[in-house]
PDB file of N, CA and C in Angstrom:
ATOM      1  N   MET A   1     -52.314   6.641  87.950  1.00  0.00           N
ATOM      2  CA  MET A   1     -52.745   8.010  88.144  1.00  0.00           C
ATOM      3  C   MET A   1     -51.720   8.735  89.017  1.00  0.00           C
ATOM      4  N   LEU A   2     -51.387   9.930  88.646  1.00  0.00           N
ATOM      5  CA  LEU A   2     -50.425  10.731  89.397  1.00  0.00           C
ATOM      6  C   LEU A   2     -51.102  11.472  90.533  1.00  0.00           C
ATOM      7  N   ARG A   3     -50.454  11.480  91.661  1.00  0.00           N
ATOM      8  CA  ARG A   3     -50.921  12.351  92.734  1.00  0.00           C
ATOM      9  C   ARG A   3     -50.518  13.770  92.382  1.00  0.00           C
ATOM     10  N   PRO A   4     -51.194  14.773  92.879  1.00  0.00           N
ATOM     11  CA  PRO A   4     -50.868  16.164  92.526  1.00  0.00           C
ATOM     12  C   PRO A   4     -49.405  16.515  92.761  1.00  0.00           C
ATOM     13  N   ALA A   5     -48.818  16.036  93.842  1.00  0.00           N
ATOM     14  CA  ALA A   5     -47.415  16.353  94.131  1.00  0.00           C
ATOM     15  C   ALA A   5     -46.490  15.757  93.076  1.00  0.00           C
ATOM     16  N   GLU A   6     -46.801  14.543  92.616  1.00  0.00           N
ATOM     17  CA  GLU A   6     -45.968  13.911  91.590  1.00  0.00           C
ATOM     18  C   GLU A   6     -46.061  14.670  90.275  1.00  0.00           C
ATOM     19  N   GLY A   7     -47.251  15.099  89.920  1.00  0.00           N
ATOM     20  CA  GLY A   7     -47.418  15.872  88.690  1.00  0.00           C
ATOM     21  C   GLY A   7     -46.645  17.178  88.749  1.00  0.00           C
ATOM     22  N   GLU A   8     -46.655  17.822  89.901  1.00  0.00           N
ATOM     23  CA  GLU A   8     -45.915  19.068  90.073  1.00  0.00           C
ATOM     24  C   GLU A   8     -44.415  18.826  89.986  1.00  0.00           C
ATOM     25  N   GLN A   9     -43.951  17.717  90.560  1.00  0.00           N
ATOM     26  CA  GLN A   9     -42.527  17.386  90.482  1.00  0.00           C
ATOM     27  C   GLN A   9     -42.113  17.183  89.034  1.00  0.00           C
ATOM     28  N   ARG A  10     -42.927  16.512  88.247  1.00  0.00           N
ATOM     29  CA  ARG A  10     -42.592  16.284  86.839  1.00  0.00           C
ATOM     30  C   ARG A  10     -42.568  17.590  86.056  1.00  0.00           C
ATOM     31  N   ARG A  11     -43.512  18.466  86.317  1.00  0.00           N
ATOM     32  CA  ARG A  11     -43.514  19.758  85.624  1.00  0.00           C
ATOM     33  C   ARG A  11     -42.283  20.576  86.005  1.00  0.00           C
ATOM     34  N   THR A  12     -41.896  20.532  87.273  1.00  0.00           N
ATOM     35  CA  THR A  12     -40.722  21.268  87.734  1.00  0.00           C
ATOM     36  C   THR A  12     -39.459  20.710  87.082  1.00  0.00           C
ATOM     37  N   ARG A  13     -39.333  19.385  87.019  1.00  0.00           N
ATOM     38  CA  ARG A  13     -38.159  18.775  86.385  1.00  0.00           C
ATOM     39  C   ARG A  13     -38.075  19.153  84.924  1.00  0.00           C
ATOM     40  N   LYS A  14     -39.210  19.159  84.237  1.00  0.00           N
ATOM     41  CA  LYS A  14     -39.186  19.487  82.816  1.00  0.00           C
ATOM     42  C   LYS A  14     -38.781  20.952  82.614  1.00  0.00           C
ATOM     43  N   ARG A  15     -39.228  21.819  83.518  1.00  0.00           N
ATOM     44  CA  ARG A  15     -38.926  23.241  83.404  1.00  0.00           C
ATOM     45  C   ARG A  15     -37.469  23.530  83.797  1.00  0.00           C
ATOM     46  N   ARG A  16     -37.028  23.012  84.918  1.00  0.00           N
ATOM     47  CA  ARG A  16     -35.695  23.306  85.447  1.00  0.00           C
ATOM     48  C   ARG A  16     -34.630  22.341  84.947  1.00  0.00           C
ATOM     49  N   GLY A  17     -35.033  21.153  84.626  1.00  0.00           N
ATOM     50  CA  GLY A  17     -34.077  20.126  84.265  1.00  0.00           C
ATOM     51  C   GLY A  17     -33.788  19.221  85.440  1.00  0.00           C
ATOM     52  N   CYS A  18     -33.078  18.160  85.180  1.00  0.00           N
ATOM     53  CA  CYS A  18     -32.750  17.191  86.212  1.00  0.00           C
ATOM     54  C   CYS A  18     -31.447  16.509  85.830  1.00  0.00           C
ATOM     55  N   ASN A  19     -30.974  15.638  86.685  1.00  0.00           N
ATOM     56  CA  ASN A  19     -29.784  14.854  86.395  1.00  0.00           C
ATOM     57  C   ASN A  19     -30.193  13.485  85.901  1.00  0.00           C
ATOM     58  N   CYS A  20     -29.393  12.930  85.013  1.00  0.00           N
ATOM     59  CA  CYS A  20     -29.637  11.569  84.544  1.00  0.00           C
ATOM     60  C   CYS A  20     -28.307  10.849  84.418  1.00  0.00           C
ATOM     61  N   SER A  21     -28.285   9.596  84.824  1.00  0.00           N
ATOM     62  CA  SER A  21     -27.071   8.792  84.713  1.00  0.00           C
ATOM     63  C   SER A  21     -27.173   7.941  83.460  1.00  0.00           C
ATOM     64  N   LEU A  22     -26.245   8.140  82.542  1.00  0.00           N
ATOM     65  CA  LEU A  22     -26.335   7.493  81.240  1.00  0.00           C
ATOM     66  C   LEU A  22     -25.071   6.746  80.862  1.00  0.00           C
ATOM     67  N   GLY A  23     -24.293   6.286  81.797  1.00  0.00           N
ATOM     68  CA  GLY A  23     -23.054   5.595  81.458  1.00  0.00           C
ATOM     69  C   GLY A  23     -22.009   6.579  80.973  1.00  0.00           C
ATOM     70  N   GLY A  24     -20.942   6.068  80.416  1.00  0.00           N
ATOM     71  CA  GLY A  24     -19.862   6.922  79.931  1.00  0.00           C
ATOM     72  C   GLY A  24     -20.244   7.658  78.659  1.00  0.00           C
ATOM     73  N   VAL A  25     -19.466   8.654  78.314  1.00  0.00           N
ATOM     74  CA  VAL A  25     -19.720   9.464  77.126  1.00  0.00           C
ATOM     75  C   VAL A  25     -19.549   8.601  75.867  1.00  0.00           C
ATOM     76  N   GLY A  26     -20.548   8.622  75.003  1.00  0.00           N
ATOM     77  CA  GLY A  26     -20.493   7.893  73.742  1.00  0.00           C
ATOM     78  C   GLY A  26     -20.951   6.448  73.815  1.00  0.00           C
ATOM     79  N   THR A  27     -21.329   5.971  74.990  1.00  0.00           N
ATOM     80  CA  THR A  27     -21.821   4.594  75.107  1.00  0.00           C
ATOM     81  C   THR A  27     -23.232   4.501  74.541  1.00  0.00           C
ATOM     82  N   PRO A  28     -23.703   3.297  74.217  1.00  0.00           N
ATOM     83  CA  PRO A  28     -25.071   3.167  73.715  1.00  0.00           C
ATOM     84  C   PRO A  28     -26.113   3.765  74.666  1.00  0.00           C
ATOM     85  N   ALA A  29     -25.934   3.561  75.975  1.00  0.00           N
ATOM     86  CA  ALA A  29     -26.883   4.129  76.943  1.00  0.00           C
ATOM     87  C   ALA A  29     -26.892   5.654  76.872  1.00  0.00           C
ATOM     88  N   HIS A  30     -25.721   6.254  76.721  1.00  0.00           N
ATOM     89  CA  HIS A  30     -25.625   7.702  76.621  1.00  0.00           C
ATOM     90  C   HIS A  30     -26.347   8.206  75.369  1.00  0.00           C
ATOM     91  N   LEU A  31     -26.115   7.546  74.241  1.00  0.00           N
ATOM     92  CA  LEU A  31     -26.754   7.969  72.990  1.00  0.00           C
ATOM     93  C   LEU A  31     -28.267   7.799  73.043  1.00  0.00           C
ATOM     94  N   ILE A  32     -28.737   6.707  73.620  1.00  0.00           N
ATOM     95  CA  ILE A  32     -30.182   6.500  73.766  1.00  0.00           C
ATOM     96  C   ILE A  32     -30.773   7.569  74.679  1.00  0.00           C
ATOM     97  N   GLY A  33     -30.064   7.892  75.757  1.00  0.00           N
ATOM     98  CA  GLY A  33     -30.540   8.936  76.664  1.00  0.00           C
ATOM     99  C   GLY A  33     -30.626  10.289  75.994  1.00  0.00           C
ATOM    100  N   GLU A  34     -29.633  10.611  75.179  1.00  0.00           N
ATOM    101  CA  GLU A  34     -29.666  11.885  74.455  1.00  0.00           C
ATOM    102  C   GLU A  34     -30.821  11.915  73.454  1.00  0.00           C
ATOM    103  N   GLN A  35     -31.073  10.795  72.792  1.00  0.00           N
ATOM    104  CA  GLN A  35     -32.195  10.722  71.862  1.00  0.00           C
ATOM    105  C   GLN A  35     -33.520  10.884  72.610  1.00  0.00           C
ATOM    106  N   PHE A  36     -33.632  10.249  73.773  1.00  0.00           N
ATOM    107  CA  PHE A  36     -34.831  10.388  74.601  1.00  0.00           C
ATOM    108  C   PHE A  36     -35.062  11.844  74.986  1.00  0.00           C
ATOM    109  N   LYS A  37     -33.994  12.525  75.406  1.00  0.00           N
ATOM    110  CA  LYS A  37     -34.113  13.931  75.795  1.00  0.00           C
ATOM    111  C   LYS A  37     -34.587  14.798  74.628  1.00  0.00           C
ATOM    112  N   LEU A  38     -34.056  14.531  73.442  1.00  0.00           N
ATOM    113  CA  LEU A  38     -34.464  15.308  72.264  1.00  0.00           C
ATOM    114  C   LEU A  38     -35.921  15.055  71.891  1.00  0.00           C
ATOM    115  N   GLN A  39     -36.327  13.802  71.893  1.00  0.00           N
ATOM    116  CA  GLN A  39     -37.683  13.456  71.463  1.00  0.00           C
ATOM    117  C   GLN A  39     -38.752  13.885  72.456  1.00  0.00           C
ATOM    118  N   THR A  40     -38.405  13.977  73.733  1.00  0.00           N
ATOM    119  CA  THR A  40     -39.391  14.345  74.750  1.00  0.00           C
ATOM    120  C   THR A  40     -39.239  15.776  75.246  1.00  0.00           C
ATOM    121  N   SER A  41     -38.269  16.502  74.710  1.00  0.00           N
ATOM    122  CA  SER A  41     -37.978  17.881  75.146  1.00  0.00           C
ATOM    123  C   SER A  41     -37.681  17.958  76.638  1.00  0.00           C
ATOM    124  N   THR A  42     -37.048  16.933  77.158  1.00  0.00           N
ATOM    125  CA  THR A  42     -36.676  16.894  78.568  1.00  0.00           C
ATOM    126  C   THR A  42     -35.336  17.587  78.753  1.00  0.00           C
ATOM    127  N   ARG A  43     -35.259  18.456  79.738  1.00  0.00           N
ATOM    128  CA  ARG A  43     -33.998  19.107  80.064  1.00  0.00           C
ATOM    129  C   ARG A  43     -33.331  18.299  81.163  1.00  0.00           C
ATOM    130  N   ALA A  44     -32.175  17.721  80.854  1.00  0.00           N
ATOM    131  CA  ALA A  44     -31.467  16.891  81.829  1.00  0.00           C
ATOM    132  C   ALA A  44     -29.973  17.027  81.626  1.00  0.00           C
ATOM    133  N   GLN A  45     -29.263  17.020  82.715  1.00  0.00           N
ATOM    134  CA  GLN A  45     -27.803  17.088  82.702  1.00  0.00           C
ATOM    135  C   GLN A  45     -27.255  15.671  82.756  1.00  0.00           C
ATOM    136  N   HIS A  46     -26.416  15.309  81.788  1.00  0.00           N
ATOM    137  CA  HIS A  46     -25.798  13.986  81.754  1.00  0.00           C
ATOM    138  C   HIS A  46     -24.736  13.891  82.834  1.00  0.00           C
ATOM    139  N   VAL A  47     -24.850  12.897  83.694  1.00  0.00           N
ATOM    140  CA  VAL A  47     -23.859  12.650  84.742  1.00  0.00           C
ATOM    141  C   VAL A  47     -23.205  11.304  84.440  1.00  0.00           C
ATOM    142  N   PRO A  48     -21.988  11.298  83.887  1.00  0.00           N
ATOM    143  CA  PRO A  48     -21.345  10.021  83.544  1.00  0.00           C
ATOM    144  C   PRO A  48     -20.836   9.289  84.787  1.00  0.00           C
ATOM    145  N   TYR A  49     -20.947   7.979  84.766  1.00  0.00           N
ATOM    146  CA  TYR A  49     -20.450   7.129  85.849  1.00  0.00           C
ATOM    147  C   TYR A  49     -19.527   6.082  85.259  1.00  0.00           C
ATOM    148  N   ALA A  50     -18.485   5.735  85.976  1.00  0.00           N
ATOM    149  CA  ALA A  50     -17.567   4.683  85.536  1.00  0.00           C
ATOM    150  C   ALA A  50     -18.071   3.307  85.960  1.00  0.00           C
ATOM    151  N   GLN A  51     -18.903   3.261  87.011  1.00  0.00           N
ATOM    152  CA  GLN A  51     -19.382   1.987  87.540  1.00  0.00           C
ATOM    153  C   GLN A  51     -20.896   2.011  87.669  1.00  0.00           C
ATOM    154  N   PHE A  52     -21.530   0.934  87.211  1.00  0.00           N
ATOM    155  CA  PHE A  52     -22.986   0.852  87.279  1.00  0.00           C
ATOM    156  C   PHE A  52     -23.534   0.867  88.707  1.00  0.00           C
ATOM    157  N   PRO A  53     -22.919   0.175  89.677  1.00  0.00           N
ATOM    158  CA  PRO A  53     -23.502   0.184  91.026  1.00  0.00           C
ATOM    159  C   PRO A  53     -23.671   1.589  91.601  1.00  0.00           C
ATOM    160  N   GLN A  54     -22.704   2.465  91.375  1.00  0.00           N
ATOM    161  CA  GLN A  54     -22.824   3.836  91.881  1.00  0.00           C
ATOM    162  C   GLN A  54     -23.958   4.574  91.174  1.00  0.00           C
ATOM    163  N   ALA A  55     -24.076   4.384  89.866  1.00  0.00           N
ATOM    164  CA  ALA A  55     -25.143   5.033  89.105  1.00  0.00           C
ATOM    165  C   ALA A  55     -26.511   4.535  89.551  1.00  0.00           C
ATOM    166  N   ILE A  56     -26.638   3.233  89.757  1.00  0.00           N
ATOM    167  CA  ILE A  56     -27.911   2.662  90.207  1.00  0.00           C
ATOM    168  C   ILE A  56     -28.245   3.173  91.601  1.00  0.00           C
ATOM    169  N   GLY A  57     -27.238   3.239  92.477  1.00  0.00           N
ATOM    170  CA  GLY A  57     -27.466   3.766  93.828  1.00  0.00           C
ATOM    171  C   GLY A  57     -27.962   5.199  93.804  1.00  0.00           C
ATOM    172  N   ASP A  58     -27.361   6.034  92.958  1.00  0.00           N
ATOM    173  CA  ASP A  58     -27.803   7.426  92.865  1.00  0.00           C
ATOM    174  C   ASP A  58     -29.193   7.534  92.266  1.00  0.00           C
ATOM    175  N   LEU A  59     -29.540   6.625  91.373  1.00  0.00           N
ATOM    176  CA  LEU A  59     -30.893   6.611  90.820  1.00  0.00           C
ATOM    177  C   LEU A  59     -31.905   6.246  91.900  1.00  0.00           C
ATOM    178  N   LEU A  60     -31.595   5.220  92.679  1.00  0.00           N
ATOM    179  CA  LEU A  60     -32.526   4.761  93.717  1.00  0.00           C
ATOM    180  C   LEU A  60     -32.681   5.762  94.861  1.00  0.00           C
ATOM    181  N   ASN A  61     -31.634   6.533  95.170  1.00  0.00           N
ATOM    182  CA  ASN A  61     -31.774   7.505  96.266  1.00  0.00           C
ATOM    183  C   ASN A  61     -32.271   8.865  95.798  1.00  0.00           C
ATOM    184  N   GLY A  62     -32.528   9.001  94.486  1.00  0.00           N
ATOM    185  CA  GLY A  62     -33.147  10.224  93.990  1.00  0.00           C
ATOM    186  C   GLY A  62     -32.200  11.292  93.494  1.00  0.00           C
ATOM    187  N   THR A  63     -30.895  11.034  93.500  1.00  0.00           N
ATOM    188  CA  THR A  63     -29.937  12.009  92.992  1.00  0.00           C
ATOM    189  C   THR A  63     -30.142  12.237  91.500  1.00  0.00           C
ATOM    190  N   ASN A  64     -30.416  11.154  90.777  1.00  0.00           N
ATOM    191  CA  ASN A  64     -30.673  11.228  89.343  1.00  0.00           C
ATOM    192  C   ASN A  64     -32.121  10.833  89.066  1.00  0.00           C
ATOM    193  N   ALA A  65     -32.719  11.470  88.074  1.00  0.00           N
ATOM    194  CA  ALA A  65     -34.127  11.237  87.778  1.00  0.00           C
ATOM    195  C   ALA A  65     -34.358   9.993  86.931  1.00  0.00           C
ATOM    196  N   PHE A  66     -33.449   9.688  86.023  1.00  0.00           N
ATOM    197  CA  PHE A  66     -33.619   8.506  85.187  1.00  0.00           C
ATOM    198  C   PHE A  66     -32.286   8.031  84.660  1.00  0.00           C
ATOM    199  N   MET A  67     -32.301   6.798  84.146  1.00  0.00           N
ATOM    200  CA  MET A  67     -31.101   6.243  83.529  1.00  0.00           C
ATOM    201  C   MET A  67     -31.508   5.146  82.567  1.00  0.00           C
ATOM    202  N   PHE A  68     -30.674   4.921  81.575  1.00  0.00           N
ATOM    203  CA  PHE A  68     -30.863   3.820  80.646  1.00  0.00           C
ATOM    204  C   PHE A  68     -29.753   2.824  80.920  1.00  0.00           C
ATOM    205  N   ILE A  69     -30.126   1.559  81.087  1.00  0.00           N
ATOM    206  CA  ILE A  69     -29.160   0.537  81.473  1.00  0.00           C
ATOM    207  C   ILE A  69     -29.636  -0.798  80.923  1.00  0.00           C
ATOM    208  N   THR A  70     -28.694  -1.698  80.687  1.00  0.00           N
ATOM    209  CA  THR A  70     -29.066  -3.045  80.274  1.00  0.00           C
ATOM    210  C   THR A  70     -29.559  -3.834  81.486  1.00  0.00           C
ATOM    211  N   MET A  71     -30.165  -4.943  81.242  1.00  0.00           N
ATOM    212  CA  MET A  71     -30.804  -5.707  82.306  1.00  0.00           C
ATOM    213  C   MET A  71     -29.812  -6.311  83.302  1.00  0.00           C
ATOM    214  N   LEU A  72     -28.678  -6.777  82.842  1.00  0.00           N
ATOM    215  CA  LEU A  72     -27.748  -7.507  83.717  1.00  0.00           C
ATOM    216  C   LEU A  72     -27.303  -6.704  84.947  1.00  0.00           C
ATOM    217  N   PRO A  73     -26.810  -5.462  84.808  1.00  0.00           N
ATOM    218  CA  PRO A  73     -26.412  -4.725  86.023  1.00  0.00           C
ATOM    219  C   PRO A  73     -27.595  -4.362  86.922  1.00  0.00           C
ATOM    220  N   ALA A  74     -28.769  -4.233  86.351  1.00  0.00           N
ATOM    221  CA  ALA A  74     -29.937  -3.847  87.147  1.00  0.00           C
ATOM    222  C   ALA A  74     -30.583  -5.026  87.858  1.00  0.00           C
ATOM    223  N   LEU A  75     -30.267  -6.235  87.452  1.00  0.00           N
ATOM    224  CA  LEU A  75     -30.895  -7.425  88.016  1.00  0.00           C
ATOM    225  C   LEU A  75     -30.699  -7.539  89.523  1.00  0.00           C
ATOM    226  N   ALA A  76     -29.528  -7.184  90.012  1.00  0.00           N
ATOM    227  CA  ALA A  76     -29.257  -7.288  91.447  1.00  0.00           C
ATOM    228  C   ALA A  76     -30.201  -6.407  92.258  1.00  0.00           C
ATOM    229  N   GLU A  77     -30.623  -5.287  91.704  1.00  0.00           N
ATOM    230  CA  GLU A  77     -31.528  -4.385  92.424  1.00  0.00           C
ATOM    231  C   GLU A  77     -32.981  -4.844  92.359  1.00  0.00           C
ATOM    232  N   VAL A  78     -33.295  -5.631  91.339  1.00  0.00           N
ATOM    233  CA  VAL A  78     -34.674  -6.081  91.144  1.00  0.00           C
ATOM    234  C   VAL A  78     -34.957  -7.331  91.962  1.00  0.00           C
ATOM    235  N   LEU A  79     -33.992  -8.236  92.016  1.00  0.00           N
ATOM    236  CA  LEU A  79     -34.210  -9.523  92.709  1.00  0.00           C
ATOM    237  C   LEU A  79     -34.008  -9.435  94.167  1.00  0.00           C
TER     238      LEU A  79
END
C-alpha cells in the first residue's frame, strides 16, 4: 500500500518526468527501458552511464528513478 506522499511523488514523476539510468545508447537495457516508457506512458530522460557502479549509486541515492540491469552488476548491492 502506498502512503499518500509516495502516491503524490509517483503522480508528479509521471507528469513532470524523471531520470532513468539505462546503460549506454542502443544496449539491451536501453531498449527495454524505452519500451517500458512507451508501454507505461512514463516520461523519463535517459541518462547513459559508462560504468554500472556509478549508475547503481545514482539509483540508490535517488538521482535516477529507475534502471534496467542484469543481475550480476546488481548482486554486490543486494548481498
